[in-house]
Amino acid sequence: MDNPADSPANAPADVPATNLDEILDVVDEQDRVLRTAPRSEVYRDGLIHRCVFVLVRDPQGRIFTHRRTDTKAFAPGAYDCFVGGVVGTGESYPEAAVREAEEELGVTGIRTRPLFRFLYTDGDRYSWWSDVHEAEWDGPVHPQESEVAWHAWLTEDELAERLTTWDFVPDGREAYRRYLSQRPTP
């Protein structure tokens, strides 16, 4: 997922220069739009913005899990069990979820289902609204090389074990914790 960097002069390695000019909605703690700003300003100033997270399962219930490329500015080389990214200005969360999932997986025609939303904060400087979705994909994937260095479909038990031994992105780890706590118990 695309997340903040320290300054536009040190633009995120995972965001092409043209994306730094992308206009995002700056929002408050209640997810109300305050104004718009270029992605570079949002990252530089640690402004609250909107992101989507999509947990993708295959028909066997396994979860698409990947390692982020080492060129990512936020959590380079870390693992994630969500695909996703920032929501563009005027774009709805569901629209962004489909767009991001299709881009990162290299597929078309995916359908997502919204689950919940929460305000993620790293406790220091960065925070963003995180809209969590779920999708099922029955077909090959062709992950975006600039985003995904490795991928596999893991069972929930395999993912649970990896979460204790692998370095996962903190916002994805928090989203998955909330996902597990909010779903009905079998």
Protein backbone atom coordinates (compact mmCIF):
# COMPACT_ATOMS: atom_id res chain seq x y z
CA MET A 1 0.00 0.00 0.00
CA ASP A 2 1.13 3.57 -0.62
CA ASN A 3 1.80 5.39 2.63
CA PRO A 4 3.56 8.52 3.83
CA ALA A 5 7.15 9.57 3.37
CA ASP A 6 9.09 12.33 5.05
CA SER A 7 9.23 15.00 2.37
CA PRO A 8 8.57 15.65 -1.29
CA ALA A 9 12.29 16.20 -1.76
CA ASN A 10 12.71 12.61 -0.63
CA ALA A 11 9.66 11.42 -2.54
CA PRO A 12 8.53 7.89 -1.74
CA ALA A 13 10.47 5.43 -3.85
CA ASP A 14 7.27 3.46 -4.38
CA VAL A 15 5.39 6.40 -5.89
CA PRO A 16 6.29 7.51 -9.41
CA ALA A 17 6.92 11.25 -9.64
CA THR A 18 3.66 11.76 -11.54
CA ASN A 19 1.73 10.20 -8.61
CA LEU A 20 3.14 12.81 -6.21
CA ASP A 21 0.93 15.34 -7.99
CA GLU A 22 -2.15 13.13 -7.51
CA ILE A 23 -4.76 15.06 -5.55
CA LEU A 24 -6.04 13.42 -2.36
CA ASP A 25 -8.77 14.34 0.09
CA VAL A 26 -7.41 15.55 3.41
CA VAL A 27 -9.85 14.46 6.12
CA ASP A 28 -10.36 14.90 9.85
CA GLU A 29 -10.70 12.39 12.69
CA GLN A 30 -14.35 11.83 11.70
CA ASP A 31 -13.44 11.16 8.03
CA ARG A 32 -14.91 14.48 6.87
CA VAL A 33 -13.21 16.11 3.90
CA LEU A 34 -11.42 19.30 4.91
CA ARG A 35 -9.70 20.10 1.62
CA THR A 36 -7.62 18.55 -1.10
CA ALA A 37 -3.85 18.44 -1.39
CA PRO A 38 -1.20 16.86 -3.61
CA ARG A 39 0.02 13.48 -2.39
CA SER A 40 3.48 14.99 -1.82
CA GLU A 41 2.04 17.49 0.70
CA VAL A 42 -0.08 14.82 2.39
CA TYR A 43 3.02 12.66 2.86
CA ARG A 44 5.32 15.52 3.87
CA ASP A 45 2.97 16.94 6.49
CA GLY A 46 1.52 13.65 7.76
CA LEU A 47 -2.04 14.72 6.90
CA ILE A 48 -4.94 12.35 7.52
CA HIS A 49 -6.13 10.86 4.25
CA ARG A 50 -8.02 7.80 3.06
CA CYS A 51 -6.77 4.32 2.19
CA VAL A 52 -8.36 1.02 1.23
CA PHE A 53 -7.36 -2.50 2.29
CA VAL A 54 -8.65 -5.55 0.41
CA LEU A 55 -8.30 -9.06 1.86
CA VAL A 56 -8.40 -11.35 -1.18
CA ARG A 57 -9.26 -15.04 -0.80
CA ASP A 58 -9.25 -17.81 -3.35
CA PRO A 59 -12.15 -20.32 -3.54
CA GLN A 60 -10.36 -22.55 -0.99
CA GLY A 61 -10.37 -19.67 1.50
CA ARG A 62 -6.63 -19.03 1.30
CA ILE A 63 -5.48 -15.41 1.64
CA PHE A 64 -3.32 -13.60 -0.89
CA THR A 65 -0.19 -12.63 1.02
CA HIS A 66 2.77 -10.78 -0.41
CA ARG A 67 6.10 -9.17 0.37
CA ARG A 68 6.40 -5.54 -0.57
CA THR A 69 9.25 -4.51 -2.82
CA ASP A 70 12.40 -3.20 -1.17
CA THR A 71 11.93 0.15 -2.93
CA LYS A 72 8.78 1.00 -0.95
CA ALA A 73 9.14 4.09 1.26
CA PHE A 74 6.81 2.74 3.96
CA ALA A 75 7.73 -0.70 5.32
CA PRO A 76 10.01 -1.78 2.46
CA GLY A 77 10.31 -5.54 2.21
CA ALA A 78 7.57 -6.10 4.79
CA TYR A 79 4.76 -8.60 4.29
CA ASP A 80 1.07 -7.81 3.95
CA CYS A 81 -2.13 -9.83 3.68
CA PHE A 82 -4.01 -6.92 2.07
CA VAL A 83 -3.73 -5.20 -1.28
CA GLY A 84 -4.73 -1.57 -1.49
CA GLY A 85 -3.62 2.02 -1.41
CA VAL A 86 -4.73 5.62 -1.25
CA VAL A 87 -8.16 6.86 -2.24
CA GLY A 88 -8.07 9.65 -4.82
CA THR A 89 -9.99 12.87 -4.34
CA GLY A 90 -13.67 12.41 -5.03
CA GLU A 91 -13.21 8.64 -5.35
CA SER A 92 -15.39 6.43 -3.16
CA TYR A 93 -13.90 3.77 -0.94
CA PRO A 94 -15.55 0.96 -2.99
CA GLU A 95 -14.21 2.42 -6.26
CA ALA A 96 -10.71 2.69 -4.81
CA ALA A 97 -10.87 -0.86 -3.42
CA VAL A 98 -11.66 -2.31 -6.85
CA ARG A 99 -9.08 -0.12 -8.61
CA GLU A 100 -6.30 -0.93 -6.15
CA ALA A 101 -7.05 -4.66 -6.04
CA GLU A 102 -7.11 -4.90 -9.82
CA GLU A 103 -3.88 -2.90 -10.17
CA GLU A 104 -1.91 -4.83 -7.55
CA LEU A 105 -3.18 -8.27 -8.55
CA GLY A 106 -3.02 -7.56 -12.28
CA VAL A 107 -6.61 -8.68 -12.86
CA THR A 108 -9.91 -7.22 -14.05
CA GLY A 109 -13.45 -7.82 -12.88
CA ILE A 110 -12.85 -8.20 -9.15
CA ARG A 111 -15.73 -7.43 -6.79
CA THR A 112 -15.12 -6.26 -3.25
CA ARG A 113 -17.37 -6.23 -0.20
CA PRO A 114 -16.88 -3.49 2.41
CA LEU A 115 -16.43 -4.75 5.97
CA PHE A 116 -15.47 -1.90 8.33
CA ARG A 117 -13.49 1.32 8.61
CA PHE A 118 -11.08 2.56 11.27
CA LEU A 119 -8.64 5.38 11.82
CA TYR A 120 -5.13 3.94 11.78
CA THR A 121 -2.37 5.85 13.52
CA ASP A 122 1.24 4.89 14.06
CA GLY A 123 1.08 6.69 17.42
CA ASP A 124 3.59 9.25 16.27
CA ARG A 125 3.01 11.19 13.09
CA TYR A 126 1.00 9.32 10.50
CA SER A 127 -2.66 8.39 10.35
CA TRP A 128 -5.19 7.50 7.69
CA TRP A 129 -8.72 6.20 7.44
CA SER A 130 -8.56 2.53 6.55
CA ASP A 131 -11.57 1.10 4.75
CA VAL A 132 -11.32 -2.69 4.85
CA HIS A 133 -12.88 -4.86 2.14
CA GLU A 134 -12.92 -8.53 1.26
CA ALA A 135 -12.96 -10.20 -2.15
CA GLU A 136 -12.76 -13.65 -3.66
CA TRP A 137 -10.68 -14.25 -6.77
CA ASP A 138 -10.82 -17.47 -8.77
CA GLY A 139 -8.13 -17.17 -11.38
CA PRO A 140 -4.50 -16.36 -12.01
CA VAL A 141 -2.93 -13.21 -10.65
CA HIS A 142 -0.16 -11.14 -12.20
CA PRO A 143 1.00 -8.94 -9.32
CA GLN A 144 2.29 -5.48 -10.06
CA GLU A 145 6.10 -5.78 -10.05
CA SER A 146 6.63 -2.31 -8.56
CA GLU A 147 4.47 -3.29 -5.55
CA VAL A 148 4.90 -7.03 -5.01
CA ALA A 149 8.24 -8.86 -4.70
CA TRP A 150 6.79 -12.27 -3.70
CA HIS A 151 3.31 -13.70 -3.21
CA ALA A 152 1.49 -16.85 -2.15
CA TRP A 153 -1.97 -17.97 -1.09
CA LEU A 154 -1.82 -18.87 2.61
CA THR A 155 -4.33 -20.63 4.80
CA GLU A 156 -5.46 -18.76 7.91
CA ASP A 157 -3.28 -21.06 10.04
CA GLU A 158 -0.25 -20.42 7.83
CA LEU A 159 -0.90 -16.68 7.97
CA ALA A 160 -1.31 -16.79 11.76
CA GLU A 161 2.11 -18.46 12.06
CA ARG A 162 3.76 -15.98 9.65
CA LEU A 163 2.33 -13.06 11.62
CA THR A 164 4.44 -14.21 14.59
CA THR A 165 7.66 -14.73 12.61
CA TRP A 166 7.62 -12.36 9.61
CA ASP A 167 7.80 -8.57 9.54
CA PHE A 168 4.31 -7.38 8.49
CA VAL A 169 3.28 -3.80 7.71
CA PRO A 170 1.85 -2.29 10.90
CA ASP A 171 -1.37 -0.96 9.34
CA GLY A 172 -2.09 -4.31 7.67
CA ARG A 173 -1.37 -6.15 10.91
CA GLU A 174 -3.85 -3.90 12.73
CA ALA A 175 -6.47 -4.28 9.98
CA TYR A 176 -6.17 -8.08 10.12
CA ARG A 177 -6.43 -8.08 13.93
CA ARG A 178 -9.64 -6.08 13.65
CA TYR A 179 -10.88 -8.32 10.83
CA LEU A 180 -10.48 -11.41 13.01
CA SER A 181 -12.14 -9.75 16.01
CA GLN A 182 -15.16 -8.55 14.03
CA ARG A 183 -16.12 -11.64 12.13
CA PRO A 184 -18.52 -14.20 13.58
CA THR A 185 -16.87 -17.07 15.42
CA PRO A 186 -17.50 -20.51 13.91
